[in-house]
Each structure stands twice: as structure tokens, then as C-alpha cells.
C-alpha atoms as a PDB file:
ATOM      1  CA  MET A   1      98.526  23.797 -46.253  1.00  0.00           C
ATOM      2  CA  SER A   2     101.815  22.030 -46.923  1.00  0.00           C
ATOM      3  CA  LEU A   3     103.201  19.223 -44.767  1.00  0.00           C
ATOM      4  CA  LYS A   4     106.125  21.488 -43.832  1.00  0.00           C
ATOM      5  CA  LYS A   5     103.821  24.234 -42.513  1.00  0.00           C
ATOM      6  CA  ALA A   6     101.708  21.694 -40.632  1.00  0.00           C
ATOM      7  CA  THR A   7     104.844  20.267 -39.002  1.00  0.00           C
ATOM      8  CA  LEU A   8     106.002  23.752 -37.977  1.00  0.00           C
ATOM      9  CA  PHE A   9     102.619  24.490 -36.354  1.00  0.00           C
ATOM     10  CA  ILE A  10     102.762  21.194 -34.452  1.00  0.00           C
ATOM     11  CA  ILE A  11     106.304  21.957 -33.250  1.00  0.00           C
ATOM     12  CA  LEU A  12     105.246  25.466 -32.130  1.00  0.00           C
ATOM     13  CA  ILE A  13     102.336  24.132 -30.064  1.00  0.00           C
ATOM     14  CA  LEU A  14     104.600  21.431 -28.624  1.00  0.00           C
ATOM     15  CA  LEU A  15     107.211  23.996 -27.592  1.00  0.00           C
ATOM     16  CA  ILE A  16     104.629  26.124 -25.764  1.00  0.00           C
ATOM     17  CA  ASP A  17     103.201  23.041 -24.063  1.00  0.00           C
ATOM     18  CA  GLN A  18     106.523  21.511 -23.027  1.00  0.00           C
ATOM     19  CA  LEU A  19     108.146  24.764 -21.898  1.00  0.00           C
ATOM     20  CA  SER A  20     105.152  25.527 -19.669  1.00  0.00           C
ATOM     21  CA  LYS A  21     105.279  22.010 -18.176  1.00  0.00           C
ATOM     22  CA  ILE A  22     109.034  22.082 -17.599  1.00  0.00           C
ATOM     23  CA  TYR A  23     108.742  25.477 -15.895  1.00  0.00           C
ATOM     24  CA  ILE A  24     105.960  24.266 -13.593  1.00  0.00           C
ATOM     25  CA  LYS A  25     107.761  21.016 -12.830  1.00  0.00           C
ATOM     26  CA  THR A  26     111.003  22.802 -11.917  1.00  0.00           C
ATOM     27  CA  HIS A  27     109.453  25.710  -9.962  1.00  0.00           C
ATOM     28  CA  PHE A  28     106.389  24.300  -8.180  1.00  0.00           C
ATOM     29  CA  VAL A  29     105.835  21.661  -5.529  1.00  0.00           C
ATOM     30  CA  LEU A  30     102.991  19.250  -6.263  1.00  0.00           C
ATOM     31  CA  GLY A  31      99.742  20.863  -5.094  1.00  0.00           C
ATOM     32  CA  GLU A  32     101.164  24.404  -5.042  1.00  0.00           C
ATOM     33  CA  ASP A  33      99.055  27.131  -6.627  1.00  0.00           C
ATOM     34  CA  VAL A  34      99.335  30.799  -7.550  1.00  0.00           C
ATOM     35  CA  GLU A  35      96.249  32.969  -8.001  1.00  0.00           C
ATOM     36  CA  VAL A  36      96.393  35.038 -11.202  1.00  0.00           C
ATOM     37  CA  PHE A  37      92.753  36.150 -11.005  1.00  0.00           C
ATOM     38  CA  THR A  38      89.952  35.023  -8.708  1.00  0.00           C
ATOM     39  CA  TRP A  39      88.720  32.819 -11.564  1.00  0.00           C
ATOM     40  CA  PHE A  40      92.137  31.634 -12.823  1.00  0.00           C
ATOM     41  CA  LYS A  41      94.955  29.911 -10.955  1.00  0.00           C
ATOM     42  CA  ILE A  42      98.202  28.173 -11.791  1.00  0.00           C
ATOM     43  CA  PHE A  43      97.721  24.940  -9.860  1.00  0.00           C
ATOM     44  CA  PHE A  44     100.265  22.138 -10.219  1.00  0.00           C
ATOM     45  CA  VAL A  45      98.843  18.627 -10.305  1.00  0.00           C
ATOM     46  CA  GLU A  46      99.929  15.431 -12.046  1.00  0.00           C
ATOM     47  CA  ASN A  47      97.554  13.202 -13.951  1.00  0.00           C
ATOM     48  CA  LYS A  48      98.231   9.464 -13.826  1.00  0.00           C
ATOM     49  CA  GLY A  49      95.585   8.524 -16.335  1.00  0.00           C
ATOM     50  CA  MET A  50      93.199   9.844 -18.962  1.00  0.00           C
ATOM     51  CA  ALA A  51      90.932  12.877 -19.038  1.00  0.00           C
ATOM     52  CA  TRP A  52      89.528  13.997 -15.654  1.00  0.00           C
ATOM     53  CA  GLY A  53      92.204  11.864 -13.953  1.00  0.00           C
ATOM     54  CA  THR A  54      90.450   8.588 -14.858  1.00  0.00           C
ATOM     55  CA  LYS A  55      92.791   5.602 -14.889  1.00  0.00           C
ATOM     56  CA  LEU A  56      92.415   2.605 -17.186  1.00  0.00           C
ATOM     57  CA  ASN A  57      92.231   0.244 -14.220  1.00  0.00           C
ATOM     58  CA  ASP A  58      89.242   2.258 -12.938  1.00  0.00           C
ATOM     59  CA  ILE A  59      87.412   1.039 -16.048  1.00  0.00           C
ATOM     60  CA  PHE A  60      89.022  -2.407 -16.135  1.00  0.00           C
ATOM     61  CA  PRO A  61      89.591  -3.392 -12.468  1.00  0.00           C
ATOM     62  CA  PHE A  62      91.341  -6.644 -13.430  1.00  0.00           C
ATOM     63  CA  LEU A  63      94.351  -4.629 -14.657  1.00  0.00           C
ATOM     64  CA  SER A  64      97.110  -3.684 -12.249  1.00  0.00           C
ATOM     65  CA  GLU A  65      97.970   0.014 -12.039  1.00  0.00           C
ATOM     66  CA  ASN A  66     101.326  -0.511 -13.799  1.00  0.00           C
ATOM     67  CA  THR A  67      99.792  -2.605 -16.592  1.00  0.00           C
ATOM     68  CA  ALA A  68      97.009  -0.062 -17.048  1.00  0.00           C
ATOM     69  CA  LYS A  69      99.504   2.805 -17.242  1.00  0.00           C
ATOM     70  CA  VAL A  70     101.726   1.109 -19.836  1.00  0.00           C
ATOM     71  CA  SER A  71      98.696  -0.054 -21.855  1.00  0.00           C
ATOM     72  CA  LEU A  72      97.293   3.466 -21.947  1.00  0.00           C
ATOM     73  CA  THR A  73     100.642   4.907 -23.039  1.00  0.00           C
ATOM     74  CA  ILE A  74     101.003   2.325 -25.839  1.00  0.00           C
ATOM     75  CA  PHE A  75      97.420   2.976 -26.966  1.00  0.00           C
ATOM     76  CA  ARG A  76      98.175   6.703 -27.114  1.00  0.00           C
ATOM     77  CA  ILE A  77     101.252   6.050 -29.272  1.00  0.00           C
ATOM     78  CA  PHE A  78      99.202   4.080 -31.809  1.00  0.00           C
ATOM     79  CA  ALA A  79      96.471   6.748 -31.710  1.00  0.00           C
ATOM     80  CA  ILE A  80      99.041   9.442 -32.527  1.00  0.00           C
ATOM     81  CA  LEU A  81     100.381   7.344 -35.408  1.00  0.00           C
ATOM     82  CA  GLY A  82      96.827   7.035 -36.711  1.00  0.00           C
ATOM     83  CA  VAL A  83      96.161  10.768 -36.492  1.00  0.00           C
ATOM     84  CA  GLY A  84      99.537  11.459 -38.106  1.00  0.00           C
ATOM     85  CA  TYR A  85      98.715   9.182 -41.038  1.00  0.00           C
ATOM     86  CA  TRP A  86      95.274  10.806 -41.387  1.00  0.00           C
ATOM     87  CA  LEU A  87      96.894  14.259 -41.410  1.00  0.00           C
ATOM     88  CA  TYR A  88      99.471  13.169 -44.008  1.00  0.00           C
ATOM     89  CA  LYS A  89      96.804  11.676 -46.281  1.00  0.00           C
ATOM     90  CA  THR A  90      94.577  14.764 -45.950  1.00  0.00           C
ATOM     91  CA  ILE A  91      97.424  17.124 -46.855  1.00  0.00           C
ATOM     92  CA  SER A  92      98.623  14.880 -49.704  1.00  0.00           C
ATOM     93  CA  SER A  93      95.143  14.745 -51.214  1.00  0.00           C
ATOM     94  CA  ARG A  94      94.668  18.498 -50.698  1.00  0.00           C
ATOM     95  CA  GLY A  95      91.796  17.929 -48.312  1.00  0.00           C
ATOM     96  CA  PRO A  96      89.809  20.661 -46.548  1.00  0.00           C
ATOM     97  CA  LYS A  97      91.943  23.195 -44.664  1.00  0.00           C
ATOM     98  CA  VAL A  98      89.506  23.009 -41.757  1.00  0.00           C
ATOM     99  CA  LEU A  99      90.192  19.286 -41.340  1.00  0.00           C
ATOM    100  CA  VAL A 100      93.958  19.826 -41.634  1.00  0.00           C
ATOM    101  CA  THR A 101      93.832  22.561 -38.988  1.00  0.00           C
ATOM    102  CA  ALA A 102      91.797  20.406 -36.603  1.00  0.00           C
ATOM    103  CA  LEU A 103      94.158  17.453 -37.013  1.00  0.00           C
ATOM    104  CA  ILE A 104      97.179  19.692 -36.393  1.00  0.00           C
ATOM    105  CA  PHE A 105      95.755  20.809 -33.032  1.00  0.00           C
ATOM    106  CA  ILE A 106      94.708  17.267 -32.044  1.00  0.00           C
ATOM    107  CA  MET A 107      98.045  15.731 -32.994  1.00  0.00           C
ATOM    108  CA  ALA A 108     100.121  18.437 -31.293  1.00  0.00           C
ATOM    109  CA  GLY A 109      98.126  18.070 -28.073  1.00  0.00           C
ATOM    110  CA  ALA A 110      98.291  14.289 -28.151  1.00  0.00           C
ATOM    111  CA  ILE A 111     102.064  14.318 -28.688  1.00  0.00           C
ATOM    112  CA  GLY A 112     102.467  16.878 -25.894  1.00  0.00           C
ATOM    113  CA  ASN A 113     100.797  14.608 -23.337  1.00  0.00           C
ATOM    114  CA  ILE A 114     102.415  11.413 -24.580  1.00  0.00           C
ATOM    115  CA  ILE A 115     105.859  12.990 -24.062  1.00  0.00           C
ATOM    116  CA  ASP A 116     104.961  13.359 -20.380  1.00  0.00           C
ATOM    117  CA  SER A 117     103.740   9.764 -20.129  1.00  0.00           C
ATOM    118  CA  ILE A 118     106.780   8.261 -21.821  1.00  0.00           C
ATOM    119  CA  PHE A 119     109.695  10.394 -20.652  1.00  0.00           C
ATOM    120  CA  TYR A 120     108.851  12.582 -17.627  1.00  0.00           C
ATOM    121  CA  GLY A 121     109.301   9.792 -15.089  1.00  0.00           C
ATOM    122  CA  VAL A 122     112.895   9.382 -16.268  1.00  0.00           C
ATOM    123  CA  LEU A 123     113.686  13.054 -16.902  1.00  0.00           C
ATOM    124  CA  PHE A 124     112.468  14.462 -13.560  1.00  0.00           C
ATOM    125  CA  SER A 125     112.689  13.677  -9.891  1.00  0.00           C
ATOM    126  CA  SER A 126     109.542  13.558  -7.761  1.00  0.00           C
ATOM    127  CA  SER A 127     107.569  16.767  -7.157  1.00  0.00           C
ATOM    128  CA  ASN A 128     106.040  15.479  -3.948  1.00  0.00           C
ATOM    129  CA  THR A 129     107.029  17.847  -1.077  1.00  0.00           C
ATOM    130  CA  GLN A 130     109.883  19.290  -3.169  1.00  0.00           C
ATOM    131  CA  VAL A 131     110.617  21.077  -6.435  1.00  0.00           C
ATOM    132  CA  ALA A 132     111.676  18.511  -9.040  1.00  0.00           C
ATOM    133  CA  THR A 133     115.079  18.531 -10.705  1.00  0.00           C
ATOM    134  CA  PHE A 134     115.506  18.089 -14.447  1.00  0.00           C
ATOM    135  CA  LEU A 135     117.946  15.378 -15.596  1.00  0.00           C
ATOM    136  CA  GLY A 136     118.925  14.667 -12.011  1.00  0.00           C
ATOM    137  CA  LYS A 137     120.002  11.325 -10.538  1.00  0.00           C
ATOM    138  CA  ASN A 138     116.710  10.433  -8.846  1.00  0.00           C
ATOM    139  CA  SER A 139     114.036   9.860 -11.489  1.00  0.00           C
ATOM    140  CA  TYR A 140     110.536   9.286 -10.109  1.00  0.00           C
ATOM    141  CA  ALA A 141     109.347   6.529 -12.485  1.00  0.00           C
ATOM    142  CA  PRO A 142     110.619   4.214 -15.258  1.00  0.00           C
ATOM    143  CA  LEU A 143     110.080   4.780 -18.969  1.00  0.00           C
ATOM    144  CA  LEU A 144     106.377   4.768 -20.022  1.00  0.00           C
ATOM    145  CA  HIS A 145     105.269   5.442 -16.424  1.00  0.00           C
ATOM    146  CA  GLY A 146     105.454   9.247 -16.348  1.00  0.00           C
ATOM    147  CA  GLN A 147     102.593  11.453 -15.204  1.00  0.00           C
ATOM    148  CA  VAL A 148     101.067  14.269 -17.245  1.00  0.00           C
ATOM    149  CA  VAL A 149     101.711  17.748 -15.838  1.00  0.00           C
ATOM    150  CA  ASP A 150      98.589  19.926 -15.495  1.00  0.00           C
ATOM    151  CA  MET A 151      98.538  23.512 -14.273  1.00  0.00           C
ATOM    152  CA  LEU A 152      95.640  25.561 -15.684  1.00  0.00           C
ATOM    153  CA  TYR A 153      92.737  25.864 -13.246  1.00  0.00           C
ATOM    154  CA  LEU A 154      89.603  27.935 -13.871  1.00  0.00           C
ATOM    155  CA  PRO A 155      87.344  27.961 -10.793  1.00  0.00           C
ATOM    156  CA  ILE A 156      84.997  30.459 -12.470  1.00  0.00           C
ATOM    157  CA  TRP A 157      82.199  29.844  -9.968  1.00  0.00           C
ATOM    158  CA  ASN A 158      81.782  27.828  -6.821  1.00  0.00           C
ATOM    159  CA  GLY A 159      78.997  27.541  -4.312  1.00  0.00           C
ATOM    160  CA  TYR A 160      76.094  25.379  -3.181  1.00  0.00           C
ATOM    161  CA  LEU A 161      73.700  24.228  -5.862  1.00  0.00           C
ATOM    162  CA  PRO A 162      69.956  24.861  -5.418  1.00  0.00           C
ATOM    163  CA  LYS A 163      68.267  22.006  -3.596  1.00  0.00           C
ATOM    164  CA  TRP A 164      65.666  21.552  -6.339  1.00  0.00           C
ATOM    165  CA  ILE A 165      68.295  20.155  -8.748  1.00  0.00           C
ATOM    166  CA  PRO A 166      67.922  16.334  -8.853  1.00  0.00           C
ATOM    167  CA  PHE A 167      70.679  14.171  -7.299  1.00  0.00           C
ATOM    168  CA  ILE A 168      73.238  16.983  -6.789  1.00  0.00           C
ATOM    169  CA  GLY A 169      71.038  19.678  -5.235  1.00  0.00           C
ATOM    170  CA  GLY A 170      72.572  21.175  -2.105  1.00  0.00           C
ATOM    171  CA  ASP A 171      76.078  19.934  -2.974  1.00  0.00           C
ATOM    172  CA  PHE A 172      79.075  22.257  -3.147  1.00  0.00           C
ATOM    173  CA  PHE A 173      80.015  22.673  -6.810  1.00  0.00           C
ATOM    174  CA  THR A 174      82.940  24.278  -8.653  1.00  0.00           C
ATOM    175  CA  PHE A 175      82.800  25.295 -12.294  1.00  0.00           C
ATOM    176  CA  PHE A 176      85.241  24.627 -13.950  1.00  0.00           C
ATOM    177  CA  GLU A 177      86.918  22.081 -11.641  1.00  0.00           C
ATOM    178  CA  PRO A 178      89.321  20.003 -13.811  1.00  0.00           C
ATOM    179  CA  VAL A 179      92.950  21.131 -14.064  1.00  0.00           C
ATOM    180  CA  PHE A 180      94.408  20.939 -17.574  1.00  0.00           C
ATOM    181  CA  ASN A 181      97.374  21.987 -19.722  1.00  0.00           C
ATOM    182  CA  ILE A 182      98.209  23.537 -23.108  1.00  0.00           C
ATOM    183  CA  ALA A 183      98.128  20.132 -24.813  1.00  0.00           C
ATOM    184  CA  ASP A 184      94.580  19.568 -23.527  1.00  0.00           C
ATOM    185  CA  VAL A 185      93.556  22.989 -24.841  1.00  0.00           C
ATOM    186  CA  SER A 186      95.034  22.125 -28.234  1.00  0.00           C
ATOM    187  CA  ILE A 187      93.101  18.838 -28.415  1.00  0.00           C
ATOM    188  CA  CYS A 188      89.866  20.596 -27.396  1.00  0.00           C
ATOM    189  CA  ILE A 189      90.348  23.263 -30.081  1.00  0.00           C
ATOM    190  CA  GLY A 190      90.785  20.504 -32.675  1.00  0.00           C
ATOM    191  CA  PHE A 191      87.594  18.736 -31.633  1.00  0.00           C
ATOM    192  CA  ILE A 192      85.640  22.010 -31.441  1.00  0.00           C
ATOM    193  CA  ILE A 193      86.684  22.763 -35.026  1.00  0.00           C
ATOM    194  CA  LEU A 194      85.487  19.309 -36.122  1.00  0.00           C
ATOM    195  CA  ILE A 195      82.157  19.744 -34.312  1.00  0.00           C
ATOM    196  CA  PHE A 196      81.263  23.247 -35.486  1.00  0.00           C
ATOM    197  CA  TRP A 197      82.732  23.002 -38.990  1.00  0.00           C
ATOM    198  CA  ASN A 198      81.783  19.363 -39.508  1.00  0.00           C
ATOM    199  CA  LYS A 199      80.235  19.810 -42.965  1.00  0.00           C
ATOM    200  CA  THR A 200      83.273  21.699 -44.232  1.00  0.00           C
ATOM    201  CA  ALA A 201      85.797  19.298 -42.709  1.00  0.00           C
ATOM    202  CA  PHE A 202      83.981  16.200 -43.932  1.00  0.00           C
ATOM    203  CA  SER A 203      82.750  17.191 -47.352  1.00  0.00           C
ATOM    204  CA  LYS A 204      81.253  14.555 -49.640  1.00  0.00           C
ATOM    205  CA  SER A 205      84.551  13.962 -51.432  1.00  0.00           C
ATOM    206  CA  THR A 206      86.412  13.606 -48.128  1.00  0.00           C
ATOM    207  CA  LYS A 207      83.913  11.042 -46.835  1.00  0.00           C
ATOM    208  CA  GLU A 208      84.222   9.014 -50.050  1.00  0.00           C
ATOM    209  CA  GLU A 209      88.015   8.901 -49.612  1.00  0.00           C
END
């Protein structure tokens, strides 16, 4: 695959991700949901941190919330630069198409979420108790302090777990509970490709390089 085609695929995934987030942000109040099927809902939440809503200061309590947020955003920027360089080198050396495809999905998803973290606080007003405005006067956070927009919710099953299950038996449980977005899906697809087609993606020649 050429660098031009890879760039076009990344832009396409980014467009789908960002258009879906902008629509949700400008049509939903935070916490609002719409049931599509019993097992699938559009549910608007905002993620302040990493996967599963974990914040960096949850792991490192000595960091303030603002410092943790900016540090995480900066780390994500460097991570994207690293993945971008890896993708460029793989394409330039005519590496395995499987690896190129996986990196395209991972990079597109990572860029999609970093756009939220860097710019959304400035581009949008708050979604708390009201529908946000785009490019309005009242931004909800400074640059680098934006929150990631999530909206895809798949409560496929919920109920009380059997009591014989250690530690969590008898607890109410929902599968699948996390709320995510198109960028998250893209990243997951990339990692799934790397896991299941590991030998093809990382052939002997690729590992040597």
C-alpha cells in the first residue's frame, strides 16, 4: 500500500469519527441516551482520561488533575508521532500489508481521540445540562484540556451473577458496560489484527528491521 492510500484511509476514518462526535456534541445533553436496540444505545458521555475512564492521577495520585490531563495529552501526541513514523518506515520498506493495515487503524483512532483532548475544550461549550454550541463564545476548557466524546453503548446482557462466582458473585453486572466511540473501535481493530495475524505482521525480516 502506498503512503497516499494509507493517508486517505486515515482521513476517512477520522472523518467518520469526528462527524459522529460533532453530531453527538451538538445534539445531545451529557448523559442523554437513545435506544436503537435493546442491546445497543447511543449514550453521550465524556471521558476525561484513558481507557475505561481511568485518569492518570488515579495511577499517580501525586499529580494534580490538570497536570495529569496535560501530561496524558502530550504523551498521546508523542505516541501518535511514533506510530506515524513506524507506519512510514513500514510502507517505505514495503513491509507486510497486514502490519500497514493495523497501523492505519491504530493511528487513525489515536488521532481521532487526541483531537478531542487538544481542541474540543476550546471548540465547544459545556454539554452539562444543555446542548453544546460549536465555535461559540463560551468554551468549556482551555487547549489540551478537552474531554473525549463517547457514544456507543452495548449493554448486551445485564443481571445478577451467580453467587458461586468468587468475589463478584451476586453482584449486578452489565456486559458490555464501557461506552466508546469510532476512534476506539478503530484502535481495537488495529490491535486485533496484530494479535491474530501476528506471524504475518511481524515476519522474520520485519523483526530484523
